[in-house]
Amino acid sequence: SVSLTLAALSLGLWWTFDRSRSGLGLGFTIAVLATLITQLLVYNGVYQYTSPDFLYIRSWLPCIFFSGGVTVGN
């Protein structure tokens, strides 16, 4: 599925450009915090998805946040 492909690509991005434990930790931390904030915004009606598939959000969103964390952190 798309979410598993994006998860693999996100880890591949980290492996290719960073490979540090701190980069991996930063990516996971940003993915968790940003996903939590997004869920809170959607739950409170500030934002909405047309077809959420993981609680209130799209399942691929944490992968995008992880990749962004690795990219900015690097």
N, C-alpha and C. Protein backbone atom coordinates (compact mmCIF):
# COMPACT_ATOMS: atom_id res chain seq x y z
N SER A 1 0.83 -1.19 0.00
CA SER A 1 0.00 0.00 0.00
C SER A 1 0.87 1.25 0.00
N VAL A 2 0.25 2.37 -0.16
CA VAL A 2 0.97 3.65 -0.24
C VAL A 2 1.69 3.97 1.07
N SER A 3 1.04 3.70 2.18
CA SER A 3 1.64 4.03 3.48
C SER A 3 2.91 3.22 3.74
N LEU A 4 2.89 1.94 3.41
CA LEU A 4 4.08 1.11 3.61
C LEU A 4 5.21 1.51 2.67
N THR A 5 4.86 1.88 1.46
CA THR A 5 5.87 2.36 0.51
C THR A 5 6.50 3.65 1.00
N LEU A 6 5.68 4.57 1.48
CA LEU A 6 6.22 5.84 2.00
C LEU A 6 7.06 5.62 3.25
N ALA A 7 6.67 4.68 4.10
CA ALA A 7 7.47 4.37 5.29
C ALA A 7 8.84 3.85 4.88
N ALA A 8 8.88 2.95 3.91
CA ALA A 8 10.16 2.43 3.43
C ALA A 8 11.00 3.52 2.78
N LEU A 9 10.38 4.37 2.00
CA LEU A 9 11.11 5.48 1.37
C LEU A 9 11.63 6.47 2.41
N SER A 10 10.86 6.71 3.46
CA SER A 10 11.29 7.62 4.52
C SER A 10 12.52 7.08 5.23
N LEU A 11 12.50 5.79 5.55
CA LEU A 11 13.67 5.18 6.18
C LEU A 11 14.85 5.16 5.21
N GLY A 12 14.58 4.96 3.93
CA GLY A 12 15.64 5.01 2.93
C GLY A 12 16.25 6.40 2.82
N LEU A 13 15.42 7.41 2.95
CA LEU A 13 15.93 8.80 2.95
C LEU A 13 16.87 9.02 4.13
N TRP A 14 16.44 8.54 5.30
CA TRP A 14 17.30 8.67 6.49
C TRP A 14 18.60 7.90 6.28
N TRP A 15 18.52 6.67 5.77
CA TRP A 15 19.70 5.84 5.58
C TRP A 15 20.66 6.46 4.57
N THR A 16 20.13 7.03 3.52
CA THR A 16 20.96 7.60 2.47
C THR A 16 21.67 8.88 2.91
N PHE A 17 20.95 9.75 3.61
CA PHE A 17 21.50 11.08 3.89
C PHE A 17 21.96 11.31 5.32
N ASP A 18 21.58 10.46 6.28
CA ASP A 18 21.90 10.77 7.66
C ASP A 18 22.60 9.61 8.37
N ARG A 19 21.90 8.54 8.62
CA ARG A 19 22.40 7.34 9.29
C ARG A 19 22.80 7.55 10.74
N SER A 20 22.42 8.64 11.37
CA SER A 20 22.76 8.84 12.77
C SER A 20 21.56 8.50 13.66
N ARG A 21 21.85 8.11 14.89
CA ARG A 21 20.77 7.84 15.83
C ARG A 21 19.99 9.11 16.16
N SER A 22 20.70 10.22 16.25
CA SER A 22 20.01 11.47 16.57
C SER A 22 19.08 11.88 15.43
N GLY A 23 19.48 11.65 14.19
CA GLY A 23 18.62 11.95 13.06
C GLY A 23 17.39 11.07 13.03
N LEU A 24 17.57 9.80 13.36
CA LEU A 24 16.44 8.87 13.43
C LEU A 24 15.50 9.28 14.56
N GLY A 25 16.07 9.62 15.71
CA GLY A 25 15.25 10.06 16.84
C GLY A 25 14.51 11.35 16.55
N LEU A 26 15.19 12.28 15.89
CA LEU A 26 14.55 13.54 15.52
C LEU A 26 13.40 13.30 14.56
N GLY A 27 13.61 12.44 13.57
CA GLY A 27 12.55 12.13 12.62
C GLY A 27 11.34 11.52 13.30
N PHE A 28 11.56 10.54 14.18
CA PHE A 28 10.45 9.91 14.89
C PHE A 28 9.75 10.89 15.82
N THR A 29 10.52 11.71 16.52
CA THR A 29 9.92 12.69 17.44
C THR A 29 9.05 13.68 16.69
N ILE A 30 9.55 14.20 15.60
CA ILE A 30 8.76 15.14 14.80
C ILE A 30 7.53 14.46 14.22
N ALA A 31 7.68 13.22 13.76
CA ALA A 31 6.53 12.49 13.20
C ALA A 31 5.44 12.30 14.25
N VAL A 32 5.83 11.94 15.47
CA VAL A 32 4.84 11.71 16.53
C VAL A 32 4.19 13.02 16.95
N LEU A 33 5.00 14.03 17.22
CA LEU A 33 4.44 15.31 17.69
C LEU A 33 3.58 16.00 16.62
N ALA A 34 4.06 16.02 15.40
CA ALA A 34 3.30 16.68 14.33
C ALA A 34 2.00 15.92 14.03
N THR A 35 2.05 14.60 14.09
CA THR A 35 0.84 13.81 13.88
C THR A 35 -0.16 14.05 15.00
N LEU A 36 0.33 14.11 16.23
CA LEU A 36 -0.53 14.40 17.37
C LEU A 36 -1.19 15.77 17.24
N ILE A 37 -0.43 16.78 16.86
CA ILE A 37 -0.98 18.12 16.68
C ILE A 37 -2.01 18.13 15.56
N THR A 38 -1.71 17.42 14.47
CA THR A 38 -2.66 17.34 13.36
C THR A 38 -3.95 16.66 13.79
N GLN A 39 -3.84 15.58 14.57
CA GLN A 39 -5.04 14.90 15.06
C GLN A 39 -5.86 15.81 15.96
N LEU A 40 -5.20 16.59 16.79
CA LEU A 40 -5.92 17.53 17.65
C LEU A 40 -6.65 18.59 16.83
N LEU A 41 -6.00 19.10 15.79
CA LEU A 41 -6.64 20.09 14.93
C LEU A 41 -7.86 19.52 14.21
N VAL A 42 -7.73 18.30 13.72
CA VAL A 42 -8.85 17.67 13.03
C VAL A 42 -9.97 17.36 14.01
N TYR A 43 -9.61 16.83 15.18
CA TYR A 43 -10.61 16.48 16.19
C TYR A 43 -11.41 17.71 16.64
N ASN A 44 -10.75 18.86 16.74
CA ASN A 44 -11.41 20.09 17.16
C ASN A 44 -12.08 20.85 16.03
N GLY A 45 -12.06 20.31 14.83
CA GLY A 45 -12.77 20.91 13.72
C GLY A 45 -12.05 22.03 13.01
N VAL A 46 -10.78 22.26 13.33
CA VAL A 46 -10.02 23.31 12.67
C VAL A 46 -9.69 22.90 11.23
N TYR A 47 -9.50 21.60 11.04
CA TYR A 47 -9.13 21.06 9.74
C TYR A 47 -9.82 19.71 9.58
N GLN A 48 -10.04 19.28 8.33
CA GLN A 48 -10.63 17.96 8.12
C GLN A 48 -10.12 17.34 6.83
N TYR A 49 -10.08 16.03 6.82
CA TYR A 49 -9.70 15.26 5.63
C TYR A 49 -10.96 14.70 5.01
N THR A 50 -10.94 14.55 3.71
CA THR A 50 -12.11 14.00 3.03
C THR A 50 -12.28 12.52 3.31
N SER A 51 -11.18 11.80 3.50
CA SER A 51 -11.29 10.37 3.79
C SER A 51 -10.15 9.92 4.71
N PRO A 52 -10.25 10.22 6.01
CA PRO A 52 -9.21 9.77 6.94
C PRO A 52 -9.22 8.25 7.05
N ASP A 53 -8.05 7.65 7.17
CA ASP A 53 -7.98 6.19 7.28
C ASP A 53 -7.24 5.72 8.53
N PHE A 54 -6.75 6.64 9.35
CA PHE A 54 -6.07 6.29 10.59
C PHE A 54 -6.55 7.27 11.65
N LEU A 55 -7.49 6.84 12.48
CA LEU A 55 -8.14 7.71 13.45
C LEU A 55 -8.73 8.91 12.71
N TYR A 56 -8.17 10.10 12.87
CA TYR A 56 -8.73 11.29 12.22
C TYR A 56 -7.92 11.77 11.02
N ILE A 57 -6.79 11.12 10.75
CA ILE A 57 -5.88 11.63 9.71
C ILE A 57 -5.61 10.57 8.65
N ARG A 58 -4.85 10.93 7.66
CA ARG A 58 -4.41 9.99 6.64
C ARG A 58 -3.18 9.24 7.17
N SER A 59 -3.06 7.97 6.85
CA SER A 59 -2.00 7.14 7.42
C SER A 59 -0.61 7.49 6.88
N TRP A 60 -0.52 8.15 5.75
CA TRP A 60 0.78 8.49 5.19
C TRP A 60 1.39 9.75 5.81
N LEU A 61 0.62 10.48 6.56
CA LEU A 61 1.08 11.76 7.10
C LEU A 61 2.31 11.63 8.02
N PRO A 62 2.38 10.66 8.94
CA PRO A 62 3.59 10.53 9.77
C PRO A 62 4.86 10.28 8.95
N CYS A 63 4.74 9.59 7.83
CA CYS A 63 5.90 9.36 6.97
C CYS A 63 6.42 10.66 6.38
N ILE A 64 5.51 11.52 5.99
CA ILE A 64 5.90 12.81 5.44
C ILE A 64 6.57 13.67 6.51
N PHE A 65 6.00 13.66 7.72
CA PHE A 65 6.61 14.41 8.82
C PHE A 65 8.00 13.85 9.16
N PHE A 66 8.15 12.53 9.16
CA PHE A 66 9.45 11.92 9.43
C PHE A 66 10.48 12.38 8.39
N SER A 67 10.11 12.33 7.13
CA SER A 67 11.02 12.74 6.06
C SER A 67 11.40 14.22 6.20
N GLY A 68 10.42 15.04 6.54
CA GLY A 68 10.70 16.45 6.74
C GLY A 68 11.64 16.68 7.91
N GLY A 69 11.47 15.92 8.98
CA GLY A 69 12.36 16.05 10.13
C GLY A 69 13.79 15.66 9.80
N VAL A 70 13.95 14.59 9.05
CA VAL A 70 15.29 14.17 8.64
C VAL A 70 15.90 15.20 7.70
N THR A 71 15.12 15.72 6.78
CA THR A 71 15.64 16.69 5.81
C THR A 71 16.06 17.99 6.49
N VAL A 72 15.20 18.52 7.36
CA VAL A 72 15.51 19.78 8.03
C VAL A 72 16.62 19.58 9.06
N GLY A 73 16.59 18.45 9.76
CA GLY A 73 17.60 18.17 10.76
C GLY A 73 18.98 17.98 10.17
N ASN A 74 19.03 17.52 8.96
CA ASN A 74 20.33 17.27 8.32
C ASN A 74 20.89 18.58 7.81
